[in-house]
Amino acid sequence: MTTTQDLIAERLRELLSYEPETGVFRWRVSRGPAVAGSVAGSLTTYGYIKIKVDGRFYRAHRLAWIYVHGVWPSKDLDHKDENKANNRLKNLREASSSQNGFNVGIRTHNTTGFKGVCHHSGGKFQASAKLNGKRTHLGLFITAELASEAYQAFAKANHGDFYKDKNEKQ
């Protein structure tokens, strides 16, 4: 029995080729302004590559997954290197929403320079982390570095393969 996923994967392979080593999609056929052989997709304001197939936009990392595996991912897809435009197959892995959240860098509004650390009243620094949808308060510390150590210890113990010892601002 042919499923909708089978039809989408088949149609995708008719229209596009995918290079797992580079993460690049190329058009197999000329369509509108797209010329056969040209790179498919455009960058979104959120940093993802999107590709329009039969009137619908898809994120390229999800297309890469169905292109190779023949099914949509059963969970979120995580970009291991945090680069949302890097759609190399070895850079993609299925992840729960919580796991996907572990693998993010320091937020742009963070003023401490350390992931999981924020300023608290009285000149102290608060460390906190999220696990399974719940925020865990890890304590108040006199320096951002000490708060960061508490966050890193928690992350290392609880985030498994999604733990990253990457703390400095990029």
N, C-alpha and C. Protein backbone atom coordinates (compact mmCIF):
# COMPACT_ATOMS: atom_id res chain seq x y z
N MET A 1 0.83 -1.17 0.00
CA MET A 1 0.00 0.00 0.00
C MET A 1 0.89 1.25 0.00
N THR A 2 0.61 2.14 -0.90
CA THR A 2 1.37 3.38 -1.01
C THR A 2 0.79 4.41 -0.06
N THR A 3 1.66 5.00 0.75
CA THR A 3 1.22 6.01 1.71
C THR A 3 1.48 7.41 1.16
N THR A 4 0.94 8.40 1.84
CA THR A 4 1.18 9.79 1.48
C THR A 4 2.67 10.10 1.55
N GLN A 5 3.34 9.56 2.60
CA GLN A 5 4.78 9.78 2.75
C GLN A 5 5.55 9.20 1.55
N ASP A 6 5.13 8.03 1.09
CA ASP A 6 5.77 7.42 -0.07
C ASP A 6 5.64 8.32 -1.29
N LEU A 7 4.45 8.88 -1.48
CA LEU A 7 4.20 9.74 -2.63
C LEU A 7 5.03 11.02 -2.54
N ILE A 8 5.11 11.60 -1.34
CA ILE A 8 5.89 12.82 -1.16
C ILE A 8 7.37 12.53 -1.42
N ALA A 9 7.88 11.44 -0.86
CA ALA A 9 9.29 11.08 -1.06
C ALA A 9 9.57 10.83 -2.54
N GLU A 10 8.67 10.14 -3.22
CA GLU A 10 8.84 9.86 -4.65
C GLU A 10 8.83 11.15 -5.47
N ARG A 11 7.88 12.04 -5.18
CA ARG A 11 7.79 13.31 -5.90
C ARG A 11 9.03 14.17 -5.63
N LEU A 12 9.49 14.18 -4.40
CA LEU A 12 10.69 14.92 -4.03
C LEU A 12 11.88 14.44 -4.85
N ARG A 13 12.04 13.13 -4.98
CA ARG A 13 13.17 12.56 -5.74
C ARG A 13 13.03 12.82 -7.24
N GLU A 14 11.82 13.00 -7.72
CA GLU A 14 11.62 13.36 -9.14
C GLU A 14 12.12 14.77 -9.41
N LEU A 15 11.83 15.68 -8.48
CA LEU A 15 12.11 17.09 -8.68
C LEU A 15 13.51 17.52 -8.26
N LEU A 16 14.04 16.87 -7.22
CA LEU A 16 15.28 17.33 -6.61
C LEU A 16 16.27 16.20 -6.43
N SER A 17 17.54 16.57 -6.43
CA SER A 17 18.57 15.63 -5.98
C SER A 17 19.11 16.19 -4.66
N TYR A 18 19.60 15.29 -3.82
CA TYR A 18 20.13 15.70 -2.51
C TYR A 18 21.50 15.09 -2.33
N GLU A 19 22.44 15.91 -1.89
CA GLU A 19 23.80 15.46 -1.65
C GLU A 19 24.02 15.37 -0.14
N PRO A 20 23.95 14.17 0.46
CA PRO A 20 24.06 14.03 1.91
C PRO A 20 25.36 14.58 2.49
N GLU A 21 26.44 14.55 1.72
CA GLU A 21 27.74 15.02 2.22
C GLU A 21 27.80 16.54 2.34
N THR A 22 27.04 17.24 1.50
CA THR A 22 27.05 18.70 1.53
C THR A 22 25.75 19.29 2.08
N GLY A 23 24.67 18.50 2.05
CA GLY A 23 23.37 18.99 2.49
C GLY A 23 22.65 19.84 1.46
N VAL A 24 23.15 19.84 0.22
CA VAL A 24 22.61 20.71 -0.82
C VAL A 24 21.57 19.96 -1.67
N PHE A 25 20.46 20.63 -1.92
CA PHE A 25 19.45 20.15 -2.87
C PHE A 25 19.65 20.88 -4.18
N ARG A 26 19.49 20.15 -5.27
CA ARG A 26 19.55 20.75 -6.62
C ARG A 26 18.31 20.32 -7.40
N TRP A 27 17.86 21.23 -8.26
CA TRP A 27 16.71 20.92 -9.10
C TRP A 27 17.12 19.93 -10.19
N ARG A 28 16.34 18.91 -10.38
CA ARG A 28 16.55 17.94 -11.48
C ARG A 28 15.92 18.46 -12.77
N VAL A 29 14.89 19.29 -12.61
CA VAL A 29 14.14 19.82 -13.76
C VAL A 29 14.06 21.33 -13.65
N SER A 30 13.88 21.98 -14.77
CA SER A 30 13.67 23.43 -14.75
C SER A 30 12.21 23.70 -14.43
N ARG A 31 12.00 24.62 -13.50
CA ARG A 31 10.63 24.98 -13.09
C ARG A 31 10.61 26.46 -12.80
N GLY A 32 9.82 27.21 -13.52
CA GLY A 32 9.76 28.65 -13.32
C GLY A 32 11.16 29.25 -13.44
N PRO A 33 11.57 30.04 -12.45
CA PRO A 33 12.90 30.65 -12.53
C PRO A 33 14.04 29.67 -12.18
N ALA A 34 13.69 28.50 -11.63
CA ALA A 34 14.71 27.52 -11.25
C ALA A 34 15.16 26.73 -12.46
N VAL A 35 16.46 26.64 -12.64
CA VAL A 35 17.05 25.93 -13.78
C VAL A 35 17.57 24.59 -13.28
N ALA A 36 17.37 23.55 -14.09
CA ALA A 36 17.88 22.22 -13.73
C ALA A 36 19.37 22.32 -13.39
N GLY A 37 19.76 21.71 -12.27
CA GLY A 37 21.14 21.74 -11.82
C GLY A 37 21.45 22.85 -10.83
N SER A 38 20.55 23.84 -10.73
CA SER A 38 20.80 24.94 -9.80
C SER A 38 20.43 24.53 -8.37
N VAL A 39 21.04 25.21 -7.41
CA VAL A 39 20.77 24.94 -6.00
C VAL A 39 19.35 25.37 -5.67
N ALA A 40 18.64 24.51 -4.96
CA ALA A 40 17.25 24.78 -4.58
C ALA A 40 17.18 25.42 -3.21
N GLY A 41 16.23 26.29 -3.04
CA GLY A 41 15.94 26.84 -1.73
C GLY A 41 16.43 28.25 -1.50
N SER A 42 15.93 28.81 -0.42
CA SER A 42 16.34 30.15 0.01
C SER A 42 16.39 30.18 1.52
N LEU A 43 17.14 31.13 2.04
CA LEU A 43 17.34 31.27 3.47
C LEU A 43 16.18 32.05 4.10
N THR A 44 15.63 31.52 5.20
CA THR A 44 14.57 32.24 5.92
C THR A 44 15.20 33.21 6.90
N THR A 45 14.39 34.08 7.45
CA THR A 45 14.89 35.03 8.44
C THR A 45 15.32 34.32 9.72
N TYR A 46 14.90 33.09 9.91
CA TYR A 46 15.29 32.30 11.08
C TYR A 46 16.54 31.45 10.84
N GLY A 47 17.09 31.52 9.63
CA GLY A 47 18.33 30.81 9.34
C GLY A 47 18.16 29.45 8.71
N TYR A 48 16.94 29.02 8.45
CA TYR A 48 16.69 27.73 7.81
C TYR A 48 16.67 27.90 6.29
N ILE A 49 16.92 26.80 5.58
CA ILE A 49 16.72 26.78 4.13
C ILE A 49 15.31 26.27 3.89
N LYS A 50 14.55 26.97 3.06
CA LYS A 50 13.21 26.50 2.69
C LYS A 50 13.18 26.25 1.19
N ILE A 51 12.40 25.23 0.82
CA ILE A 51 12.27 24.85 -0.58
C ILE A 51 10.79 24.69 -0.89
N LYS A 52 10.36 25.27 -2.01
CA LYS A 52 8.96 25.17 -2.41
C LYS A 52 8.80 23.99 -3.36
N VAL A 53 7.95 23.06 -2.96
CA VAL A 53 7.67 21.87 -3.77
C VAL A 53 6.16 21.81 -3.99
N ASP A 54 5.76 21.85 -5.25
CA ASP A 54 4.35 21.77 -5.62
C ASP A 54 3.48 22.74 -4.83
N GLY A 55 3.96 23.99 -4.72
CA GLY A 55 3.18 25.06 -4.10
C GLY A 55 3.25 25.13 -2.59
N ARG A 56 4.04 24.25 -1.97
CA ARG A 56 4.15 24.25 -0.50
C ARG A 56 5.61 24.38 -0.08
N PHE A 57 5.86 25.22 0.92
CA PHE A 57 7.23 25.39 1.44
C PHE A 57 7.52 24.33 2.49
N TYR A 58 8.73 23.80 2.41
CA TYR A 58 9.23 22.83 3.39
C TYR A 58 10.61 23.28 3.84
N ARG A 59 10.97 22.99 5.08
CA ARG A 59 12.33 23.21 5.53
C ARG A 59 13.21 22.10 4.99
N ALA A 60 14.36 22.50 4.47
CA ALA A 60 15.24 21.56 3.77
C ALA A 60 15.71 20.42 4.66
N HIS A 61 15.92 20.67 5.95
CA HIS A 61 16.38 19.57 6.80
C HIS A 61 15.33 18.47 6.92
N ARG A 62 14.06 18.83 6.89
CA ARG A 62 13.00 17.82 6.93
C ARG A 62 12.90 17.09 5.59
N LEU A 63 13.12 17.82 4.50
CA LEU A 63 13.14 17.18 3.18
C LEU A 63 14.32 16.21 3.07
N ALA A 64 15.46 16.59 3.64
CA ALA A 64 16.63 15.71 3.61
C ALA A 64 16.31 14.39 4.30
N TRP A 65 15.62 14.48 5.41
CA TRP A 65 15.29 13.28 6.18
C TRP A 65 14.38 12.34 5.38
N ILE A 66 13.30 12.89 4.81
CA ILE A 66 12.38 12.03 4.05
C ILE A 66 13.03 11.56 2.75
N TYR A 67 13.89 12.38 2.18
CA TYR A 67 14.59 11.99 0.94
C TYR A 67 15.42 10.73 1.19
N VAL A 68 16.14 10.70 2.30
CA VAL A 68 17.04 9.58 2.60
C VAL A 68 16.30 8.41 3.25
N HIS A 69 15.45 8.70 4.22
CA HIS A 69 14.81 7.63 5.01
C HIS A 69 13.43 7.21 4.50
N GLY A 70 12.84 8.03 3.64
CA GLY A 70 11.53 7.67 3.08
C GLY A 70 10.35 7.98 3.98
N VAL A 71 10.62 8.53 5.17
CA VAL A 71 9.55 8.90 6.11
C VAL A 71 9.91 10.24 6.74
N TRP A 72 8.88 10.96 7.18
CA TRP A 72 9.11 12.17 7.93
C TRP A 72 9.73 11.79 9.26
N PRO A 73 10.52 12.66 9.84
CA PRO A 73 11.06 12.35 11.16
C PRO A 73 9.92 12.23 12.17
N SER A 74 10.05 11.31 13.11
CA SER A 74 8.99 11.11 14.10
C SER A 74 9.04 12.15 15.21
N LYS A 75 10.17 12.87 15.29
CA LYS A 75 10.36 13.91 16.31
C LYS A 75 10.84 15.17 15.62
N ASP A 76 11.32 16.14 16.43
CA ASP A 76 11.99 17.30 15.87
C ASP A 76 13.30 16.84 15.24
N LEU A 77 13.88 17.68 14.40
CA LEU A 77 15.22 17.42 13.89
C LEU A 77 16.15 18.47 14.47
N ASP A 78 17.28 18.01 14.99
CA ASP A 78 18.28 18.87 15.59
C ASP A 78 19.46 19.01 14.65
N HIS A 79 19.95 20.22 14.51
CA HIS A 79 21.20 20.46 13.78
C HIS A 79 22.32 20.40 14.82
N LYS A 80 23.12 19.37 14.79
CA LYS A 80 24.13 19.15 15.83
C LYS A 80 25.04 20.35 16.01
N ASP A 81 25.42 21.00 14.92
CA ASP A 81 26.36 22.13 15.01
C ASP A 81 25.66 23.48 15.22
N GLU A 82 24.36 23.46 15.43
CA GLU A 82 23.53 24.65 15.66
C GLU A 82 23.36 25.53 14.43
N ASN A 83 23.93 25.15 13.29
CA ASN A 83 23.79 25.91 12.06
C ASN A 83 22.56 25.40 11.32
N LYS A 84 21.48 26.16 11.35
CA LYS A 84 20.21 25.73 10.78
C LYS A 84 20.24 25.57 9.26
N ALA A 85 21.25 26.13 8.62
CA ALA A 85 21.37 26.01 7.16
C ALA A 85 22.26 24.83 6.76
N ASN A 86 22.88 24.17 7.73
CA ASN A 86 23.75 23.03 7.44
C ASN A 86 22.90 21.76 7.45
N ASN A 87 22.50 21.31 6.28
CA ASN A 87 21.60 20.18 6.15
C ASN A 87 22.29 18.90 5.71
N ARG A 88 23.59 18.80 6.04
CA ARG A 88 24.29 17.54 5.80
C ARG A 88 23.64 16.47 6.66
N LEU A 89 23.45 15.28 6.10
CA LEU A 89 22.76 14.22 6.82
C LEU A 89 23.43 13.91 8.15
N LYS A 90 24.77 13.92 8.21
CA LYS A 90 25.44 13.60 9.47
C LYS A 90 25.28 14.70 10.52
N ASN A 91 24.77 15.86 10.12
CA ASN A 91 24.54 16.96 11.05
C ASN A 91 23.12 16.94 11.62
N LEU A 92 22.28 16.05 11.12
CA LEU A 92 20.88 15.99 11.54
C LEU A 92 20.62 14.77 12.41
N ARG A 93 19.81 14.97 13.45
CA ARG A 93 19.41 13.85 14.30
C ARG A 93 18.02 14.13 14.85
N GLU A 94 17.26 13.06 15.04
CA GLU A 94 15.96 13.21 15.64
C GLU A 94 16.13 13.58 17.12
N ALA A 95 15.24 14.42 17.61
CA ALA A 95 15.33 14.89 18.99
C ALA A 95 13.94 15.24 19.50
N SER A 96 13.75 15.04 20.79
CA SER A 96 12.52 15.55 21.39
C SER A 96 12.64 17.07 21.42
N SER A 97 11.54 17.72 21.69
CA SER A 97 11.57 19.18 21.78
C SER A 97 12.53 19.63 22.87
N SER A 98 12.54 18.92 23.98
CA SER A 98 13.43 19.24 25.08
C SER A 98 14.90 19.06 24.68
N GLN A 99 15.21 17.94 24.03
CA GLN A 99 16.59 17.69 23.58
C GLN A 99 17.02 18.75 22.57
N ASN A 100 16.13 19.11 21.68
CA ASN A 100 16.45 20.13 20.68
C ASN A 100 16.79 21.45 21.38
N GLY A 101 16.10 21.74 22.46
CA GLY A 101 16.36 22.96 23.21
C GLY A 101 17.70 22.96 23.94
N PHE A 102 18.21 21.76 24.27
CA PHE A 102 19.52 21.67 24.92
C PHE A 102 20.61 22.19 24.00
N ASN A 103 20.42 21.95 22.72
CA ASN A 103 21.46 22.24 21.73
C ASN A 103 21.25 23.61 21.09
N VAL A 104 21.13 24.60 21.93
CA VAL A 104 21.07 25.98 21.44
C VAL A 104 22.18 26.75 22.13
N GLY A 105 22.65 27.77 21.48
CA GLY A 105 23.71 28.59 22.06
C GLY A 105 23.16 29.59 23.05
N ILE A 106 23.99 30.51 23.42
CA ILE A 106 23.60 31.56 24.34
C ILE A 106 22.62 32.49 23.63
N ARG A 107 21.53 32.80 24.28
CA ARG A 107 20.51 33.68 23.70
C ARG A 107 21.09 35.08 23.46
N THR A 108 20.60 35.74 22.45
CA THR A 108 21.14 37.05 22.08
C THR A 108 20.91 38.11 23.17
N HIS A 109 19.88 37.93 23.97
CA HIS A 109 19.60 38.91 25.02
C HIS A 109 20.35 38.60 26.32
N ASN A 110 21.12 37.53 26.35
CA ASN A 110 21.90 37.15 27.54
C ASN A 110 23.02 38.15 27.74
N THR A 111 23.09 38.75 28.93
CA THR A 111 24.11 39.76 29.22
C THR A 111 25.25 39.24 30.09
N THR A 112 25.14 37.97 30.56
CA THR A 112 26.18 37.43 31.44
C THR A 112 27.32 36.78 30.66
N GLY A 113 27.03 36.36 29.43
CA GLY A 113 28.04 35.64 28.65
C GLY A 113 28.06 34.15 28.90
N PHE A 114 27.13 33.66 29.71
CA PHE A 114 27.09 32.24 30.05
C PHE A 114 25.69 31.67 29.86
N LYS A 115 25.62 30.53 29.21
CA LYS A 115 24.34 29.85 29.01
C LYS A 115 23.78 29.40 30.36
N GLY A 116 22.48 29.61 30.55
CA GLY A 116 21.83 29.17 31.78
C GLY A 116 22.03 30.10 32.97
N VAL A 117 22.61 31.26 32.73
CA VAL A 117 22.93 32.19 33.82
C VAL A 117 22.30 33.56 33.51
N CYS A 118 21.68 34.14 34.54
CA CYS A 118 21.14 35.50 34.39
C CYS A 118 21.43 36.30 35.64
N HIS A 119 21.33 37.61 35.51
CA HIS A 119 21.52 38.51 36.65
C HIS A 119 20.33 38.37 37.59
N HIS A 120 20.59 38.46 38.87
CA HIS A 120 19.54 38.38 39.88
C HIS A 120 19.68 39.59 40.79
N SER A 121 18.64 39.90 41.51
CA SER A 121 18.69 41.06 42.40
C SER A 121 19.79 40.88 43.45
N GLY A 122 20.29 41.99 43.91
CA GLY A 122 21.34 41.95 44.92
C GLY A 122 22.71 41.66 44.35
N GLY A 123 22.86 41.78 43.02
CA GLY A 123 24.15 41.59 42.39
C GLY A 123 24.58 40.14 42.23
N LYS A 124 23.68 39.20 42.50
CA LYS A 124 24.02 37.78 42.36
C LYS A 124 23.65 37.29 40.97
N PHE A 125 24.06 36.06 40.70
CA PHE A 125 23.78 35.42 39.41
C PHE A 125 23.00 34.14 39.66
N GLN A 126 21.95 33.98 38.89
CA GLN A 126 21.09 32.80 39.03
C GLN A 126 21.40 31.80 37.93
N ALA A 127 21.53 30.55 38.31
CA ALA A 127 21.69 29.46 37.34
C ALA A 127 20.39 28.68 37.30
N SER A 128 19.92 28.38 36.10
CA SER A 128 18.72 27.56 35.95
C SER A 128 18.81 26.81 34.64
N ALA A 129 18.06 25.71 34.57
CA ALA A 129 18.05 24.89 33.36
C ALA A 129 16.66 24.31 33.19
N LYS A 130 16.35 23.95 31.97
CA LYS A 130 15.05 23.36 31.68
C LYS A 130 15.26 21.88 31.34
N LEU A 131 14.41 21.04 31.89
CA LEU A 131 14.46 19.60 31.61
C LEU A 131 13.03 19.07 31.59
N ASN A 132 12.67 18.40 30.50
CA ASN A 132 11.32 17.84 30.34
C ASN A 132 10.23 18.89 30.57
N GLY A 133 10.48 20.09 30.04
CA GLY A 133 9.48 21.15 30.10
C GLY A 133 9.41 21.89 31.42
N LYS A 134 10.25 21.52 32.38
CA LYS A 134 10.22 22.19 33.68
C LYS A 134 11.53 22.91 33.95
N ARG A 135 11.42 24.14 34.42
CA ARG A 135 12.59 24.94 34.78
C ARG A 135 13.07 24.52 36.15
N THR A 136 14.37 24.26 36.28
CA THR A 136 14.98 23.89 37.55
C THR A 136 15.89 25.01 38.00
N HIS A 137 15.65 25.51 39.21
CA HIS A 137 16.48 26.56 39.79
C HIS A 137 17.71 25.87 40.39
N LEU A 138 18.90 26.27 39.96
CA LEU A 138 20.14 25.63 40.40
C LEU A 138 20.87 26.41 41.47
N GLY A 139 20.40 27.60 41.79
CA GLY A 139 20.99 28.36 42.88
C GLY A 139 21.39 29.76 42.50
N LEU A 140 21.76 30.52 43.52
CA LEU A 140 22.28 31.88 43.36
C LEU A 140 23.76 31.86 43.70
N PHE A 141 24.54 32.62 42.93
CA PHE A 141 25.99 32.59 43.08
C PHE A 141 26.54 34.01 43.04
N ILE A 142 27.73 34.18 43.63
CA ILE A 142 28.32 35.52 43.69
C ILE A 142 29.00 35.91 42.39
N THR A 143 29.32 34.92 41.53
CA THR A 143 29.91 35.24 40.22
C THR A 143 29.17 34.49 39.13
N ALA A 144 29.21 35.04 37.93
CA ALA A 144 28.61 34.38 36.77
C ALA A 144 29.33 33.06 36.48
N GLU A 145 30.64 33.03 36.74
CA GLU A 145 31.43 31.81 36.48
C GLU A 145 30.97 30.65 37.37
N LEU A 146 30.70 30.94 38.64
CA LEU A 146 30.22 29.89 39.56
C LEU A 146 28.83 29.41 39.15
N ALA A 147 27.99 30.34 38.76
CA ALA A 147 26.65 29.97 38.29
C ALA A 147 26.76 29.11 37.04
N SER A 148 27.69 29.45 36.16
CA SER A 148 27.89 28.68 34.94
C SER A 148 28.37 27.26 35.25
N GLU A 149 29.23 27.13 36.23
CA GLU A 149 29.70 25.80 36.63
C GLU A 149 28.53 24.93 37.09
N ALA A 150 27.60 25.52 37.83
CA ALA A 150 26.42 24.78 38.29
C ALA A 150 25.56 24.36 37.09
N TYR A 151 25.37 25.29 36.15
CA TYR A 151 24.59 24.96 34.94
C TYR A 151 25.27 23.85 34.15
N GLN A 152 26.58 23.97 33.94
CA GLN A 152 27.31 22.97 33.15
C GLN A 152 27.24 21.59 33.82
N ALA A 153 27.36 21.53 35.14
CA ALA A 153 27.28 20.25 35.86
C ALA A 153 25.90 19.62 35.66
N PHE A 154 24.85 20.45 35.76
CA PHE A 154 23.49 19.95 35.55
C PHE A 154 23.32 19.45 34.12
N ALA A 155 23.76 20.25 33.16
CA ALA A 155 23.61 19.89 31.75
C ALA A 155 24.37 18.60 31.43
N LYS A 156 25.57 18.49 31.91
CA LYS A 156 26.38 17.29 31.65
C LYS A 156 25.71 16.04 32.21
N ALA A 157 25.10 16.17 33.40
CA ALA A 157 24.45 15.03 34.04
C ALA A 157 23.10 14.68 33.42
N ASN A 158 22.44 15.65 32.78
CA ASN A 158 21.05 15.43 32.34
C ASN A 158 20.79 15.49 30.84
N HIS A 159 21.71 16.03 30.07
CA HIS A 159 21.43 16.24 28.65
C HIS A 159 21.97 15.15 27.72
N GLY A 160 22.69 14.18 28.24
CA GLY A 160 23.17 13.06 27.44
C GLY A 160 23.96 13.50 26.22
N ASP A 161 23.67 12.89 25.08
CA ASP A 161 24.38 13.21 23.83
C ASP A 161 24.17 14.65 23.38
N PHE A 162 23.20 15.33 23.95
CA PHE A 162 22.90 16.70 23.55
C PHE A 162 23.65 17.72 24.40
N TYR A 163 24.46 17.23 25.36
CA TYR A 163 25.26 18.13 26.18
C TYR A 163 26.38 18.72 25.35
N LYS A 164 26.58 20.03 25.51
CA LYS A 164 27.68 20.73 24.85
C LYS A 164 28.38 21.58 25.88
N ASP A 165 29.68 21.43 25.98
CA ASP A 165 30.47 22.27 26.87
C ASP A 165 30.88 23.50 26.07
N LYS A 166 29.90 24.31 25.74
CA LYS A 166 30.13 25.48 24.89
C LYS A 166 29.47 26.66 25.56
N ASN A 167 30.25 27.51 26.12
CA ASN A 167 29.66 28.54 26.94
C ASN A 167 29.94 29.97 26.48
N GLU A 168 31.07 30.21 25.89
CA GLU A 168 31.40 31.57 25.53
C GLU A 168 30.54 32.05 24.37
N LYS A 169 30.25 33.35 24.35
CA LYS A 169 29.49 33.94 23.25
C LYS A 169 30.27 33.77 21.95
N GLN A 170 29.54 33.54 20.89
CA GLN A 170 30.16 33.34 19.58
C GLN A 170 30.30 34.66 18.88
